[in-house]
Amino acid sequence: MSLRVRMRQALPGAMRARDKAAVSALRATLAALDNAEAVPVDEAGVRGLVLEQSPVGAGATEVARRELSECEVVEIVRAEAAERTAAAAGLTAPAHADRAARLHAEADVLFRLLDGRGTP
């Protein structure tokens, strides 16, 4: 089973368990995966068509999204976990201890999924 599927399956369970760290990590990482699949936009901010050449009708604005390989998905999830770990390491003040603990918990959720230890 792919990592993305395991993440999508883990999300409802985390929501039922009211596990805020898992819900936050899973939602943010799934959003990062969705963003990575977005179609690139050129420098002008358009997808290469002028208004006169643009398609018309139902579904005309739909564009095929990129498909990420499992390896790319793993790399994005690993980067999300590393980002949380680095951010937590940067929060050294005692006033930020709660935030650092939450970031560590979110990173742990993602690392567990990467290790294949099932759902968080």
N, C-alpha and C. Protein backbone atom coordinates (compact mmCIF):
# COMPACT_ATOMS: atom_id res chain seq x y z
N MET A 1 0.85 -1.17 0.00
CA MET A 1 0.00 0.00 0.00
C MET A 1 0.90 1.24 0.00
N SER A 2 0.54 2.22 -0.79
CA SER A 2 1.38 3.41 -0.93
C SER A 2 1.33 4.27 0.34
N LEU A 3 2.35 5.07 0.48
CA LEU A 3 2.46 5.95 1.65
C LEU A 3 1.30 6.94 1.69
N ARG A 4 0.92 7.49 0.55
CA ARG A 4 -0.18 8.46 0.52
C ARG A 4 -1.49 7.80 0.97
N VAL A 5 -1.73 6.58 0.51
CA VAL A 5 -2.95 5.87 0.91
C VAL A 5 -2.94 5.61 2.41
N ARG A 6 -1.81 5.21 2.95
CA ARG A 6 -1.72 4.98 4.39
C ARG A 6 -1.97 6.27 5.16
N MET A 7 -1.49 7.40 4.63
CA MET A 7 -1.71 8.69 5.29
C MET A 7 -3.19 9.05 5.26
N ARG A 8 -3.83 8.85 4.10
CA ARG A 8 -5.26 9.16 3.99
C ARG A 8 -6.09 8.26 4.90
N GLN A 9 -5.68 7.02 5.06
CA GLN A 9 -6.41 6.11 5.94
C GLN A 9 -6.17 6.45 7.41
N ALA A 10 -5.00 6.98 7.74
CA ALA A 10 -4.68 7.31 9.12
C ALA A 10 -5.39 8.58 9.59
N LEU A 11 -5.73 9.46 8.68
CA LEU A 11 -6.31 10.75 9.06
C LEU A 11 -7.65 10.61 9.81
N PRO A 12 -8.62 9.86 9.32
CA PRO A 12 -9.88 9.76 10.09
C PRO A 12 -9.68 9.17 11.49
N GLY A 13 -8.79 8.20 11.61
CA GLY A 13 -8.52 7.61 12.93
C GLY A 13 -7.91 8.62 13.88
N ALA A 14 -7.00 9.44 13.35
CA ALA A 14 -6.39 10.49 14.18
C ALA A 14 -7.42 11.53 14.59
N MET A 15 -8.36 11.80 13.69
CA MET A 15 -9.41 12.76 14.01
C MET A 15 -10.33 12.21 15.09
N ARG A 16 -10.70 10.93 14.97
CA ARG A 16 -11.56 10.31 15.99
C ARG A 16 -10.85 10.26 17.35
N ALA A 17 -9.54 10.03 17.32
CA ALA A 17 -8.77 9.96 18.57
C ALA A 17 -8.44 11.35 19.11
N ARG A 18 -8.79 12.38 18.36
CA ARG A 18 -8.50 13.77 18.74
C ARG A 18 -7.00 13.99 18.96
N ASP A 19 -6.20 13.34 18.11
CA ASP A 19 -4.75 13.47 18.15
C ASP A 19 -4.36 14.68 17.29
N LYS A 20 -4.26 15.83 17.95
CA LYS A 20 -4.03 17.08 17.23
C LYS A 20 -2.72 17.06 16.44
N ALA A 21 -1.68 16.49 17.00
CA ALA A 21 -0.39 16.46 16.31
C ALA A 21 -0.47 15.61 15.04
N ALA A 22 -1.12 14.46 15.13
CA ALA A 22 -1.23 13.58 13.96
C ALA A 22 -2.11 14.22 12.90
N VAL A 23 -3.24 14.80 13.30
CA VAL A 23 -4.14 15.45 12.34
C VAL A 23 -3.41 16.59 11.63
N SER A 24 -2.71 17.40 12.37
CA SER A 24 -1.99 18.53 11.80
C SER A 24 -0.91 18.05 10.82
N ALA A 25 -0.12 17.07 11.23
CA ALA A 25 0.96 16.57 10.38
C ALA A 25 0.41 15.93 9.12
N LEU A 26 -0.64 15.13 9.26
CA LEU A 26 -1.20 14.44 8.09
C LEU A 26 -1.85 15.41 7.12
N ARG A 27 -2.63 16.35 7.64
CA ARG A 27 -3.28 17.32 6.75
C ARG A 27 -2.25 18.18 6.01
N ALA A 28 -1.28 18.67 6.74
CA ALA A 28 -0.27 19.53 6.11
C ALA A 28 0.56 18.77 5.08
N THR A 29 0.89 17.53 5.37
CA THR A 29 1.71 16.75 4.45
C THR A 29 0.90 16.34 3.23
N LEU A 30 -0.36 15.97 3.41
CA LEU A 30 -1.20 15.67 2.25
C LEU A 30 -1.38 16.91 1.37
N ALA A 31 -1.49 18.08 1.99
CA ALA A 31 -1.58 19.33 1.22
C ALA A 31 -0.27 19.59 0.47
N ALA A 32 0.86 19.30 1.09
CA ALA A 32 2.14 19.48 0.41
C ALA A 32 2.25 18.54 -0.80
N LEU A 33 1.73 17.33 -0.66
CA LEU A 33 1.73 16.41 -1.80
C LEU A 33 0.82 16.91 -2.91
N ASP A 34 -0.35 17.42 -2.54
CA ASP A 34 -1.26 17.98 -3.55
C ASP A 34 -0.62 19.17 -4.25
N ASN A 35 0.06 20.02 -3.50
CA ASN A 35 0.73 21.17 -4.10
C ASN A 35 1.85 20.74 -5.04
N ALA A 36 2.55 19.69 -4.71
CA ALA A 36 3.63 19.21 -5.56
C ALA A 36 3.11 18.66 -6.88
N GLU A 37 1.85 18.27 -6.92
CA GLU A 37 1.25 17.75 -8.14
C GLU A 37 0.67 18.84 -9.03
N ALA A 38 0.67 20.07 -8.55
CA ALA A 38 0.08 21.16 -9.33
C ALA A 38 0.86 21.38 -10.62
N VAL A 39 0.16 21.83 -11.63
CA VAL A 39 0.78 22.10 -12.91
C VAL A 39 1.60 23.37 -12.80
N PRO A 40 2.86 23.34 -13.25
CA PRO A 40 3.68 24.55 -13.16
C PRO A 40 3.12 25.69 -14.01
N VAL A 41 3.26 26.89 -13.51
CA VAL A 41 2.82 28.09 -14.21
C VAL A 41 4.06 28.82 -14.69
N ASP A 42 4.01 29.34 -15.93
CA ASP A 42 5.19 30.05 -16.46
C ASP A 42 5.37 31.41 -15.78
N GLU A 43 6.40 32.12 -16.16
CA GLU A 43 6.73 33.39 -15.51
C GLU A 43 5.62 34.43 -15.61
N ALA A 44 4.84 34.40 -16.67
CA ALA A 44 3.78 35.39 -16.86
C ALA A 44 2.57 35.08 -16.00
N GLY A 45 2.56 33.89 -15.39
CA GLY A 45 1.44 33.56 -14.53
C GLY A 45 0.30 32.88 -15.27
N VAL A 46 0.52 32.51 -16.51
CA VAL A 46 -0.51 31.82 -17.29
C VAL A 46 0.03 30.48 -17.75
N ARG A 47 -0.86 29.65 -18.23
CA ARG A 47 -0.45 28.32 -18.65
C ARG A 47 -0.19 28.26 -20.15
N GLY A 48 0.19 29.36 -20.76
CA GLY A 48 0.62 29.34 -22.15
C GLY A 48 -0.46 29.63 -23.17
N LEU A 49 -1.69 29.89 -22.76
CA LEU A 49 -2.74 30.18 -23.72
C LEU A 49 -3.17 31.64 -23.61
N VAL A 50 -3.42 32.24 -24.76
CA VAL A 50 -4.00 33.58 -24.75
C VAL A 50 -5.51 33.42 -24.67
N LEU A 51 -6.19 34.45 -24.31
CA LEU A 51 -7.62 34.38 -24.08
C LEU A 51 -8.39 33.84 -25.28
N GLU A 52 -8.00 34.25 -26.48
CA GLU A 52 -8.70 33.83 -27.68
C GLU A 52 -8.54 32.33 -27.94
N GLN A 53 -7.47 31.74 -27.44
CA GLN A 53 -7.21 30.32 -27.69
C GLN A 53 -7.67 29.43 -26.54
N SER A 54 -8.17 30.02 -25.48
CA SER A 54 -8.54 29.22 -24.31
C SER A 54 -9.81 28.42 -24.59
N PRO A 55 -9.88 27.21 -24.05
CA PRO A 55 -11.07 26.37 -24.26
C PRO A 55 -12.28 26.93 -23.52
N VAL A 56 -13.45 26.58 -24.01
CA VAL A 56 -14.70 27.07 -23.44
C VAL A 56 -15.58 25.87 -23.12
N GLY A 57 -16.36 25.97 -22.06
CA GLY A 57 -17.32 24.92 -21.75
C GLY A 57 -17.05 24.27 -20.41
N ALA A 58 -17.91 23.32 -20.06
CA ALA A 58 -17.79 22.62 -18.79
C ALA A 58 -16.48 21.85 -18.73
N GLY A 59 -15.75 22.03 -17.65
CA GLY A 59 -14.49 21.32 -17.48
C GLY A 59 -13.33 21.93 -18.25
N ALA A 60 -13.55 23.07 -18.88
CA ALA A 60 -12.50 23.68 -19.70
C ALA A 60 -11.33 24.17 -18.87
N THR A 61 -11.56 24.44 -17.61
CA THR A 61 -10.47 24.94 -16.78
C THR A 61 -9.70 23.83 -16.09
N GLU A 62 -10.15 22.60 -16.25
CA GLU A 62 -9.47 21.47 -15.62
C GLU A 62 -8.18 21.16 -16.37
N VAL A 63 -7.12 20.99 -15.63
CA VAL A 63 -5.82 20.68 -16.19
C VAL A 63 -5.33 19.40 -15.52
N ALA A 64 -4.75 18.53 -16.30
CA ALA A 64 -4.22 17.29 -15.71
C ALA A 64 -3.11 17.63 -14.74
N ARG A 65 -3.14 16.98 -13.59
CA ARG A 65 -2.12 17.21 -12.57
C ARG A 65 -0.96 16.26 -12.81
N ARG A 66 0.20 16.65 -12.29
CA ARG A 66 1.35 15.75 -12.32
C ARG A 66 1.06 14.55 -11.44
N GLU A 67 1.65 13.43 -11.75
CA GLU A 67 1.55 12.26 -10.88
C GLU A 67 2.91 12.03 -10.26
N LEU A 68 2.94 12.00 -8.94
CA LEU A 68 4.19 11.78 -8.22
C LEU A 68 4.47 10.29 -8.12
N SER A 69 5.73 9.94 -8.27
CA SER A 69 6.12 8.55 -8.04
C SER A 69 6.15 8.30 -6.54
N GLU A 70 6.16 7.05 -6.15
CA GLU A 70 6.21 6.72 -4.72
C GLU A 70 7.49 7.28 -4.09
N CYS A 71 8.57 7.28 -4.86
CA CYS A 71 9.84 7.82 -4.37
C CYS A 71 9.72 9.32 -4.10
N GLU A 72 9.05 10.04 -4.98
CA GLU A 72 8.85 11.48 -4.78
C GLU A 72 7.96 11.74 -3.57
N VAL A 73 6.95 10.92 -3.38
CA VAL A 73 6.07 11.06 -2.22
C VAL A 73 6.87 10.87 -0.94
N VAL A 74 7.71 9.84 -0.91
CA VAL A 74 8.53 9.57 0.26
C VAL A 74 9.46 10.74 0.54
N GLU A 75 10.06 11.30 -0.49
CA GLU A 75 10.97 12.44 -0.30
C GLU A 75 10.24 13.66 0.26
N ILE A 76 9.02 13.91 -0.20
CA ILE A 76 8.25 15.05 0.30
C ILE A 76 7.88 14.83 1.76
N VAL A 77 7.45 13.63 2.10
CA VAL A 77 7.09 13.33 3.49
C VAL A 77 8.32 13.44 4.37
N ARG A 78 9.45 12.93 3.90
CA ARG A 78 10.70 13.02 4.66
C ARG A 78 11.09 14.49 4.87
N ALA A 79 10.92 15.31 3.84
CA ALA A 79 11.24 16.74 3.95
C ALA A 79 10.31 17.44 4.94
N GLU A 80 9.04 17.07 4.94
CA GLU A 80 8.09 17.65 5.90
C GLU A 80 8.48 17.29 7.33
N ALA A 81 8.87 16.04 7.55
CA ALA A 81 9.28 15.60 8.89
C ALA A 81 10.56 16.32 9.32
N ALA A 82 11.52 16.43 8.40
CA ALA A 82 12.78 17.11 8.72
C ALA A 82 12.55 18.59 9.00
N GLU A 83 11.62 19.19 8.28
CA GLU A 83 11.30 20.61 8.51
C GLU A 83 10.76 20.82 9.92
N ARG A 84 9.91 19.92 10.37
CA ARG A 84 9.36 20.03 11.72
C ARG A 84 10.44 19.81 12.78
N THR A 85 11.32 18.86 12.53
CA THR A 85 12.41 18.60 13.47
C THR A 85 13.34 19.81 13.57
N ALA A 86 13.66 20.41 12.44
CA ALA A 86 14.54 21.58 12.43
C ALA A 86 13.87 22.77 13.12
N ALA A 87 12.59 22.95 12.86
CA ALA A 87 11.87 24.06 13.50
C ALA A 87 11.81 23.86 15.00
N ALA A 88 11.60 22.63 15.45
CA ALA A 88 11.56 22.36 16.89
C ALA A 88 12.92 22.60 17.52
N ALA A 89 13.99 22.26 16.81
CA ALA A 89 15.34 22.48 17.34
C ALA A 89 15.64 23.97 17.49
N GLY A 90 15.01 24.78 16.66
CA GLY A 90 15.22 26.22 16.72
C GLY A 90 14.47 26.89 17.85
N LEU A 91 13.53 26.20 18.45
CA LEU A 91 12.74 26.76 19.55
C LEU A 91 13.36 26.35 20.88
N THR A 92 14.35 27.10 21.30
CA THR A 92 15.09 26.73 22.51
C THR A 92 14.60 27.45 23.76
N ALA A 93 13.87 28.54 23.58
CA ALA A 93 13.39 29.29 24.75
C ALA A 93 12.35 28.47 25.51
N PRO A 94 12.38 28.55 26.84
CA PRO A 94 11.40 27.80 27.64
C PRO A 94 9.95 28.15 27.29
N ALA A 95 9.72 29.36 26.84
CA ALA A 95 8.36 29.78 26.50
C ALA A 95 7.82 29.03 25.28
N HIS A 96 8.72 28.45 24.49
CA HIS A 96 8.32 27.74 23.27
C HIS A 96 8.36 26.22 23.44
N ALA A 97 8.47 25.74 24.64
CA ALA A 97 8.60 24.30 24.88
C ALA A 97 7.38 23.53 24.37
N ASP A 98 6.18 24.08 24.55
CA ASP A 98 4.97 23.40 24.08
C ASP A 98 4.96 23.28 22.56
N ARG A 99 5.32 24.36 21.89
CA ARG A 99 5.35 24.35 20.42
C ARG A 99 6.41 23.37 19.91
N ALA A 100 7.56 23.36 20.54
CA ALA A 100 8.63 22.44 20.14
C ALA A 100 8.19 20.99 20.35
N ALA A 101 7.51 20.71 21.44
CA ALA A 101 7.03 19.36 21.70
C ALA A 101 6.00 18.93 20.65
N ARG A 102 5.15 19.86 20.27
CA ARG A 102 4.15 19.53 19.24
C ARG A 102 4.81 19.27 17.90
N LEU A 103 5.81 20.07 17.55
CA LEU A 103 6.52 19.84 16.29
C LEU A 103 7.24 18.49 16.30
N HIS A 104 7.84 18.13 17.43
CA HIS A 104 8.48 16.82 17.55
C HIS A 104 7.44 15.70 17.39
N ALA A 105 6.27 15.88 17.99
CA ALA A 105 5.21 14.87 17.89
C ALA A 105 4.74 14.72 16.44
N GLU A 106 4.61 15.85 15.72
CA GLU A 106 4.21 15.80 14.32
C GLU A 106 5.27 15.09 13.49
N ALA A 107 6.54 15.39 13.75
CA ALA A 107 7.62 14.73 13.02
C ALA A 107 7.63 13.23 13.31
N ASP A 108 7.37 12.85 14.55
CA ASP A 108 7.32 11.43 14.91
C ASP A 108 6.22 10.70 14.14
N VAL A 109 5.07 11.34 13.98
CA VAL A 109 3.98 10.73 13.21
C VAL A 109 4.45 10.43 11.80
N LEU A 110 5.10 11.39 11.17
CA LEU A 110 5.57 11.21 9.80
C LEU A 110 6.69 10.19 9.71
N PHE A 111 7.61 10.19 10.67
CA PHE A 111 8.69 9.21 10.66
C PHE A 111 8.15 7.79 10.84
N ARG A 112 7.12 7.63 11.67
CA ARG A 112 6.52 6.30 11.85
C ARG A 112 5.91 5.81 10.56
N LEU A 113 5.25 6.70 9.84
CA LEU A 113 4.67 6.32 8.55
C LEU A 113 5.77 5.96 7.54
N LEU A 114 6.85 6.71 7.57
CA LEU A 114 7.96 6.42 6.65
C LEU A 114 8.61 5.09 6.98
N ASP A 115 8.69 4.76 8.26
CA ASP A 115 9.30 3.50 8.68
C ASP A 115 8.40 2.30 8.39
N GLY A 116 7.15 2.57 8.01
CA GLY A 116 6.22 1.50 7.70
C GLY A 116 5.64 0.83 8.92
N ARG A 117 5.68 1.52 10.04
CA ARG A 117 5.14 0.95 11.28
C ARG A 117 3.64 1.13 11.38
N GLY A 118 2.99 1.22 10.25
CA GLY A 118 1.52 1.33 10.26
C GLY A 118 1.06 2.74 10.47
N THR A 119 -0.11 2.85 11.06
CA THR A 119 -0.71 4.15 11.28
C THR A 119 -0.08 4.80 12.51
N PRO A 120 -0.09 6.11 12.53
CA PRO A 120 0.51 6.83 13.66
C PRO A 120 -0.20 6.60 14.96
